[in-house]
Amino acid sequence: MINKYFLAGVLGLGLFCTTTAYSGEIPMETSENPFGVLDFIYWNHSWNNYQYPDKQSIDLGVALMRKAGVGWVRMDFLWQDIEPRQGERHFEKYDYIVNALTAGGIGILGVLSYHTDWASPQRAWNVSSDDTSMFTAYCSAVAARYKDRVKYWEIWNEPDSGTYWQPQDGMKRYCILLKDAYRALKKVDPECFVLNGGLANGLTSVNRLYDNGAKDYFDIFNIHDFQSPYDKIAIKRTIAYVNTAYKVMCRNGDGRKKIWLTEIGCPGVKRGIQTEPWWMGRNPSEKQQAQWVRQVCTELPKVKPLDKFFWAFFRDTDRHWETGVDYFGLVRHDFKVKPAFEEYRKAVKAYQKGAYGQRSAR
């Protein structure tokens, strides 16, 4: 529940932005802003404890994103939400979210995912199908509706992970889907940009995408990378991964494309909260999370050919994972900002002033 006094304070600052263009702090052309976040602003379901249950909560999330200087939001346009029954499409929720983000001057990376109950071979959201026609029809419908506001589309999420794609086959079936979805999107909007689903498993997956002949079916290369803030050379590991992935791209004649790192993050758990560790071990504190945000947001803008990076997540979730992953947010679930929020905001301001200098050599 949103605290009414906190909400009143935000309203008093004039941060809401769903009907008129934002005129507050940190003006920066969206195309020039490399700072993004992953947010579940479209979650309004029992399985996520109704993360954003109403328009008021969406407005508040967008207002805080603008205050932080967020330039881009990565969000799903869930097939199950939009087409719960074949041929019956519902866009109302996404219309409101897209309008709110657009009015706030925030760019959208739309993730087209996952299977619907009625289209899945096993009525499972993560089980692939040999027939791509129904998925590509959904992609076309979404792109057609939002092509005046959304120009960047990602096909699925982490197709190299067994959590999100079954059965795993070295991404062979996924690359078929990627090719078909790419063609469908370009037919609807030739000016859109297509990203492969963010890769979760390092260079093996980078090579497999090219080995499967997907080179000509994405415009921006998309990877994920998570490191533990307890590792003293964590940021060096992330930069090395970006640069090595780029070498693979060059080796495959793809060196002109940019890389987007669409997930990087860690927990920030407030003192006194007891929760299970995240998948990389001990949960960092809110202070340690803020220190990692500072490194990520000051070092990654210097790296070529990295064009944009997205902190995961913008807002803590409510007992969804029942681990430290619920505390990845820059803001807590009650919308109170964390130290990480302030570090993110400082980094955006510093970037805007040119504090980081020229991007490093590839």
Protein backbone atom coordinates (compact mmCIF):
# COMPACT_ATOMS: atom_id res chain seq x y z
CA MET A 1 0.00 0.00 0.00
CA ILE A 2 1.27 3.49 -0.86
CA ASN A 3 1.74 5.71 2.16
CA LYS A 4 -0.70 8.62 1.74
CA TYR A 5 1.71 11.18 3.24
CA PHE A 6 4.53 10.06 0.95
CA LEU A 7 2.16 10.25 -2.02
CA ALA A 8 1.09 13.75 -1.04
CA GLY A 9 4.73 14.82 -0.94
CA VAL A 10 5.36 13.49 -4.42
CA LEU A 11 2.26 15.22 -5.71
CA GLY A 12 3.45 18.43 -4.08
CA LEU A 13 6.71 18.20 -5.99
CA GLY A 14 4.80 18.04 -9.27
CA LEU A 15 6.40 14.79 -10.33
CA PHE A 16 3.43 13.10 -12.00
CA CYS A 17 3.66 13.06 -15.76
CA THR A 18 0.97 11.00 -17.45
CA THR A 19 -0.78 13.81 -19.30
CA THR A 20 1.87 16.42 -20.04
CA ALA A 21 5.55 16.31 -20.89
CA TYR A 22 7.87 16.21 -17.93
CA SER A 23 9.57 19.53 -17.14
CA GLY A 24 11.56 18.62 -14.04
CA GLU A 25 15.19 17.75 -13.40
CA ILE A 26 17.85 16.07 -15.52
CA PRO A 27 16.70 16.91 -19.06
CA MET A 28 18.54 14.73 -21.54
CA GLU A 29 17.63 13.51 -25.00
CA THR A 30 16.38 9.94 -24.60
CA SER A 31 18.54 8.71 -27.45
CA GLU A 32 21.64 10.07 -25.68
CA ASN A 33 20.77 8.68 -22.26
CA PRO A 34 22.48 5.32 -21.59
CA PHE A 35 20.81 4.81 -18.20
CA GLY A 36 17.99 2.29 -18.10
CA VAL A 37 16.13 0.12 -15.61
CA LEU A 38 14.22 -3.12 -15.73
CA ASP A 39 10.87 -2.65 -14.03
CA PHE A 40 7.77 -4.80 -13.59
CA ILE A 41 5.44 -1.87 -14.06
CA TYR A 42 3.05 -4.14 -15.99
CA TRP A 43 2.70 -6.63 -13.07
CA ASN A 44 -0.83 -6.66 -11.74
CA HIS A 45 -1.46 -10.35 -11.06
CA SER A 46 -1.91 -12.65 -8.09
CA TRP A 47 1.40 -14.41 -8.80
CA ASN A 48 3.33 -11.17 -8.21
CA ASN A 49 1.18 -9.88 -5.33
CA TYR A 50 -0.17 -7.10 -7.54
CA GLN A 51 3.06 -5.15 -7.85
CA TYR A 52 1.41 -2.20 -9.61
CA PRO A 53 -2.29 -2.56 -8.82
CA ASP A 54 -3.61 0.74 -10.17
CA LYS A 55 -2.88 3.86 -12.20
CA GLN A 56 -1.79 5.75 -9.09
CA SER A 57 1.04 3.30 -8.42
CA ILE A 58 2.11 3.42 -12.09
CA ASP A 59 2.18 7.22 -11.98
CA LEU A 60 4.26 7.18 -8.83
CA GLY A 61 6.74 4.72 -10.33
CA VAL A 62 7.15 6.83 -13.46
CA ALA A 63 7.57 10.02 -11.42
CA LEU A 64 10.38 8.47 -9.38
CA MET A 65 12.05 7.15 -12.51
CA ARG A 66 12.12 10.66 -13.89
CA LYS A 67 13.51 12.00 -10.64
CA ALA A 68 16.31 9.42 -10.86
CA GLY A 69 17.07 10.40 -14.46
CA VAL A 70 16.08 7.05 -15.95
CA GLY A 71 16.20 7.24 -19.73
CA TRP A 72 14.88 3.79 -20.62
CA VAL A 73 12.57 1.18 -19.14
CA ARG A 74 12.73 -2.45 -20.14
CA MET A 75 9.32 -4.07 -19.70
CA ASP A 76 7.38 -7.03 -21.02
CA PHE A 77 4.29 -6.78 -23.19
CA LEU A 78 3.02 -10.15 -22.01
CA TRP A 79 1.23 -12.18 -24.67
CA GLN A 80 -0.93 -13.77 -21.97
CA ASP A 81 -2.09 -10.33 -20.81
CA ILE A 82 -2.73 -8.97 -24.26
CA GLU A 83 -4.36 -12.03 -25.83
CA PRO A 84 -5.76 -14.29 -23.09
CA ARG A 85 -7.96 -15.97 -25.70
CA GLN A 86 -7.09 -16.37 -29.36
CA GLY A 87 -8.16 -13.34 -31.35
CA GLU A 88 -9.28 -11.40 -28.26
CA ARG A 89 -6.75 -8.66 -27.60
CA HIS A 90 -6.70 -6.25 -24.66
CA PHE A 91 -4.34 -3.27 -24.70
CA GLU A 92 -5.87 -0.99 -22.07
CA LYS A 93 -3.27 -1.60 -19.35
CA TYR A 94 -0.35 -1.24 -21.73
CA ASP A 95 -1.86 1.85 -23.36
CA TYR A 96 -1.79 3.59 -20.00
CA ILE A 97 1.78 2.51 -19.18
CA VAL A 98 3.14 3.44 -22.60
CA ASN A 99 1.45 6.85 -22.44
CA ALA A 100 2.77 7.48 -18.92
CA LEU A 101 6.37 6.61 -19.83
CA THR A 102 6.23 8.50 -23.11
CA ALA A 103 4.83 11.62 -21.43
CA GLY A 104 7.67 11.36 -18.93
CA GLY A 105 10.27 11.36 -21.70
CA ILE A 106 11.31 7.77 -20.94
CA GLY A 107 12.15 5.41 -23.79
CA ILE A 108 10.73 1.90 -23.83
CA LEU A 109 12.42 -1.38 -24.64
CA GLY A 110 9.48 -3.72 -25.10
CA VAL A 111 10.05 -7.42 -24.47
CA LEU A 112 7.72 -9.60 -26.54
CA SER A 113 7.14 -12.71 -24.44
CA TYR A 114 6.10 -15.49 -23.39
CA HIS A 115 3.61 -18.17 -24.51
CA THR A 116 -0.08 -17.92 -23.73
CA ASP A 117 -1.94 -20.85 -22.22
CA TRP A 118 -3.92 -21.46 -25.38
CA ALA A 119 -0.90 -21.36 -27.72
CA SER A 120 1.60 -23.33 -25.66
CA PRO A 121 2.07 -27.02 -26.53
CA GLN A 122 1.83 -27.91 -22.83
CA ARG A 123 -0.13 -24.87 -21.56
CA ALA A 124 3.17 -23.67 -20.11
CA TRP A 125 4.47 -20.13 -20.52
CA ASN A 126 8.09 -21.18 -21.15
CA VAL A 127 7.66 -24.17 -23.50
CA SER A 128 8.57 -23.45 -27.11
CA SER A 129 6.48 -24.37 -30.13
CA ASP A 130 7.39 -25.43 -33.66
CA ASP A 131 4.66 -23.13 -35.00
CA THR A 132 5.80 -19.50 -34.75
CA SER A 133 2.87 -18.00 -36.63
CA MET A 134 0.70 -17.25 -33.59
CA PHE A 135 3.59 -15.64 -31.70
CA THR A 136 4.57 -13.49 -34.68
CA ALA A 137 0.94 -12.42 -35.15
CA TYR A 138 0.96 -11.17 -31.55
CA CYS A 139 4.29 -9.39 -32.16
CA SER A 140 2.86 -7.68 -35.23
CA ALA A 141 -0.27 -6.55 -33.39
CA VAL A 142 1.71 -5.03 -30.52
CA ALA A 143 4.22 -3.29 -32.78
CA ALA A 144 1.45 -1.91 -34.98
CA ARG A 145 -0.37 -0.41 -32.00
CA TYR A 146 2.68 1.28 -30.48
CA LYS A 147 4.93 2.01 -33.45
CA ASP A 148 4.57 5.76 -32.95
CA ARG A 149 5.95 5.47 -29.39
CA VAL A 150 7.95 2.22 -29.10
CA LYS A 151 10.79 1.61 -31.54
CA TYR A 152 12.83 -1.02 -29.70
CA TRP A 153 11.67 -4.62 -29.31
CA GLU A 154 13.33 -7.58 -27.64
CA ILE A 155 12.29 -11.08 -28.65
CA TRP A 156 11.80 -13.19 -25.51
CA ASN A 157 14.00 -13.08 -22.40
CA GLU A 158 16.99 -15.32 -21.66
CA PRO A 159 16.20 -18.01 -24.23
CA ASP A 160 19.44 -19.73 -23.22
CA SER A 161 18.09 -20.33 -19.70
CA GLY A 162 16.00 -23.36 -18.81
CA THR A 163 13.93 -21.14 -16.55
CA TYR A 164 12.59 -19.14 -19.49
CA TRP A 165 12.82 -21.52 -22.46
CA GLN A 166 12.09 -25.22 -22.64
CA PRO A 167 13.36 -27.51 -23.96
CA GLN A 168 16.91 -26.21 -24.19
CA ASP A 169 18.51 -27.09 -27.53
CA GLY A 170 21.43 -24.70 -27.89
CA MET A 171 19.00 -21.95 -28.99
CA LYS A 172 18.27 -23.60 -32.33
CA ARG A 173 14.50 -23.30 -32.02
CA TYR A 174 14.79 -19.85 -30.49
CA CYS A 175 16.78 -18.57 -33.47
CA ILE A 176 13.99 -19.72 -35.78
CA LEU A 177 11.53 -17.72 -33.68
CA LEU A 178 13.87 -14.72 -33.68
CA LYS A 179 14.12 -14.75 -37.48
CA ASP A 180 10.36 -14.99 -37.96
CA ALA A 181 9.62 -12.30 -35.36
CA TYR A 182 12.24 -9.99 -36.87
CA ARG A 183 10.64 -10.24 -40.30
CA ALA A 184 7.17 -9.67 -38.84
CA LEU A 185 8.25 -6.57 -36.89
CA LYS A 186 10.11 -5.03 -39.81
CA LYS A 187 7.06 -5.54 -42.02
CA VAL A 188 4.89 -3.61 -39.56
CA ASP A 189 7.49 -0.94 -38.76
CA PRO A 190 10.62 -0.89 -40.96
CA GLU A 191 12.12 1.79 -38.68
CA CYS A 192 12.00 -0.29 -35.50
CA PHE A 193 15.06 -1.91 -33.89
CA VAL A 194 15.06 -5.56 -32.84
CA LEU A 195 17.14 -7.05 -30.03
CA ASN A 196 17.76 -10.73 -29.41
CA GLY A 197 16.50 -11.99 -26.07
CA GLY A 198 19.03 -11.03 -23.39
CA LEU A 199 21.57 -13.84 -23.04
CA ALA A 200 22.16 -15.23 -19.56
CA ASN A 201 24.97 -17.71 -20.01
CA GLY A 202 27.98 -15.84 -21.26
CA LEU A 203 30.15 -16.39 -24.30
CA THR A 204 28.81 -19.86 -25.02
CA SER A 205 25.44 -18.32 -25.79
CA VAL A 206 27.01 -15.44 -27.74
CA ASN A 207 28.71 -17.94 -30.05
CA ARG A 208 25.61 -20.11 -30.38
CA LEU A 209 23.51 -17.20 -31.57
CA TYR A 210 25.90 -16.68 -34.47
CA ASP A 211 26.41 -20.40 -35.08
CA ASN A 212 22.65 -20.72 -35.52
CA GLY A 213 22.63 -18.11 -38.28
CA ALA A 214 20.87 -15.31 -36.39
CA LYS A 215 23.32 -12.55 -37.36
CA ASP A 216 20.96 -10.74 -39.73
CA TYR A 217 17.93 -10.92 -37.44
CA PHE A 218 18.78 -8.46 -34.68
CA ASP A 219 19.91 -4.84 -34.86
CA ILE A 220 21.36 -4.50 -31.36
CA PHE A 221 23.14 -7.25 -29.45
CA ASN A 222 21.65 -7.96 -26.04
CA ILE A 223 23.38 -9.56 -23.03
CA HIS A 224 22.93 -9.89 -19.27
CA ASP A 225 25.64 -9.92 -16.63
CA PHE A 226 25.46 -10.24 -12.85
CA GLN A 227 28.36 -9.96 -10.45
CA SER A 228 28.62 -9.99 -6.69
CA PRO A 229 29.59 -6.67 -5.07
CA TYR A 230 31.71 -8.73 -2.69
CA ASP A 231 34.06 -9.44 -5.63
CA LYS A 232 36.65 -6.65 -5.66
CA ILE A 233 37.12 -6.91 -9.43
CA ALA A 234 33.41 -7.29 -10.27
CA ILE A 235 33.27 -4.25 -12.53
CA LYS A 236 36.37 -5.41 -14.40
CA ARG A 237 34.66 -8.74 -15.03
CA THR A 238 31.60 -7.02 -16.50
CA ILE A 239 33.68 -4.76 -18.75
CA ALA A 240 35.77 -7.72 -19.90
CA TYR A 241 32.62 -9.65 -20.80
CA VAL A 242 31.26 -6.77 -22.87
CA ASN A 243 34.56 -6.37 -24.72
CA THR A 244 34.96 -10.11 -25.33
CA ALA A 245 31.39 -10.40 -26.61
CA TYR A 246 32.20 -7.57 -29.00
CA LYS A 247 35.22 -9.47 -30.29
CA VAL A 248 32.91 -12.39 -31.12
CA MET A 249 30.64 -9.96 -32.96
CA CYS A 250 33.59 -8.60 -34.95
CA ARG A 251 34.76 -12.10 -35.78
CA ASN A 252 31.33 -12.69 -37.27
CA GLY A 253 31.35 -9.47 -39.29
CA ASP A 254 28.97 -7.74 -36.89
CA GLY A 255 31.23 -5.06 -35.45
CA ARG A 256 29.02 -2.13 -36.43
CA LYS A 257 26.28 -3.12 -34.02
CA LYS A 258 26.01 -1.76 -30.50
CA ILE A 259 25.57 -3.80 -27.33
CA TRP A 260 22.85 -3.24 -24.76
CA LEU A 261 23.36 -4.77 -21.34
CA THR A 262 19.71 -5.09 -20.36
CA GLU A 263 20.16 -6.66 -16.92
CA ILE A 264 22.79 -5.93 -14.30
CA GLY A 265 22.05 -5.62 -10.59
CA CYS A 266 22.22 -7.00 -7.09
CA PRO A 267 20.15 -6.98 -3.89
CA GLY A 268 20.20 -4.18 -1.36
CA VAL A 269 18.67 -5.59 1.82
CA LYS A 270 17.75 -3.22 4.60
CA ARG A 271 19.21 -3.98 8.02
CA GLY A 272 16.95 -6.23 10.07
CA ILE A 273 15.26 -7.95 7.12
CA GLN A 274 15.77 -11.71 7.01
CA THR A 275 15.59 -13.38 3.61
CA GLU A 276 17.29 -16.21 1.72
CA PRO A 277 20.49 -15.42 -0.23
CA TRP A 278 20.31 -14.55 -3.91
CA TRP A 279 21.83 -16.93 -6.44
CA MET A 280 25.33 -15.44 -6.05
CA GLY A 281 25.44 -15.97 -2.30
CA ARG A 282 25.37 -13.53 0.59
CA ASN A 283 22.95 -10.62 0.18
CA PRO A 284 24.57 -7.17 0.03
CA SER A 285 23.27 -4.44 2.32
CA GLU A 286 21.61 -1.31 0.95
CA LYS A 287 24.92 0.51 1.40
CA GLN A 288 26.83 -2.16 -0.52
CA GLN A 289 24.21 -2.10 -3.26
CA ALA A 290 24.67 1.66 -3.56
CA GLN A 291 28.43 1.23 -3.92
CA TRP A 292 27.89 -1.27 -6.75
CA VAL A 293 25.42 1.09 -8.45
CA ARG A 294 28.06 3.81 -8.29
CA GLN A 295 30.62 1.59 -10.01
CA VAL A 296 28.20 0.35 -12.65
CA CYS A 297 26.84 3.81 -13.46
CA THR A 298 30.19 5.57 -13.61
CA GLU A 299 32.29 2.92 -15.38
CA LEU A 300 29.93 1.40 -17.95
CA PRO A 301 29.16 4.68 -19.78
CA LYS A 302 32.85 4.81 -20.70
CA VAL A 303 32.87 1.42 -22.44
CA LYS A 304 32.60 0.99 -26.18
CA PRO A 305 30.63 -0.51 -27.88
CA LEU A 306 28.19 -0.58 -24.93
CA ASP A 307 25.39 1.82 -25.79
CA LYS A 308 22.95 1.36 -22.88
CA PHE A 309 22.69 -0.56 -19.63
CA PHE A 310 19.68 -1.39 -17.47
CA TRP A 311 19.75 -1.76 -13.70
CA ALA A 312 17.60 -4.65 -12.49
CA PHE A 313 15.26 -3.65 -10.89
CA PHE A 314 13.84 -0.19 -10.34
CA ARG A 315 11.54 -1.25 -7.48
CA ASP A 316 11.73 -4.06 -4.93
CA THR A 317 9.20 -6.85 -5.36
CA ASP A 318 6.83 -8.20 -2.70
CA ARG A 319 7.80 -11.75 -1.68
CA HIS A 320 7.87 -12.91 -5.27
CA TRP A 321 11.19 -14.78 -5.20
CA GLU A 322 11.40 -15.11 -1.39
CA THR A 323 15.16 -14.43 -1.66
CA GLY A 324 17.44 -11.43 -1.89
CA VAL A 325 16.23 -10.98 -5.47
CA ASP A 326 13.14 -9.27 -4.04
CA TYR A 327 15.47 -6.42 -2.96
CA PHE A 328 17.13 -5.59 -6.30
CA GLY A 329 15.29 -2.27 -6.50
CA LEU A 330 16.62 1.27 -6.41
CA VAL A 331 13.49 2.01 -4.41
CA ARG A 332 11.83 -0.15 -1.79
CA HIS A 333 8.47 -1.74 -2.37
CA ASP A 334 6.79 1.13 -0.50
CA PHE A 335 8.43 3.54 -3.00
CA LYS A 336 10.86 4.99 -0.46
CA VAL A 337 14.19 5.58 -2.13
CA LYS A 338 17.31 3.61 -1.22
CA PRO A 339 20.88 4.90 -1.14
CA ALA A 340 21.25 3.20 -4.55
CA PHE A 341 18.63 5.55 -5.99
CA GLU A 342 20.70 8.56 -5.00
CA GLU A 343 23.88 7.06 -6.48
CA TYR A 344 22.08 6.34 -9.75
CA ARG A 345 20.76 9.90 -9.82
CA LYS A 346 24.18 11.40 -9.11
CA ALA A 347 25.71 9.34 -11.90
CA VAL A 348 23.12 10.56 -14.41
CA LYS A 349 23.85 14.17 -13.47
CA ALA A 350 27.60 13.60 -13.72
CA TYR A 351 27.22 11.97 -17.12
CA GLN A 352 25.12 14.87 -18.33
CA LYS A 353 27.91 17.27 -17.31
CA GLY A 354 30.51 15.20 -19.17
CA ALA A 355 32.25 14.06 -16.00
CA TYR A 356 33.21 10.68 -17.48
CA GLY A 357 35.07 11.99 -20.50
CA GLN A 358 35.32 10.05 -23.72
CA ARG A 359 34.32 6.40 -23.97
CA SER A 360 37.26 4.02 -23.73
CA ALA A 361 38.70 2.28 -26.74
CA ARG A 362 37.11 -0.96 -27.85
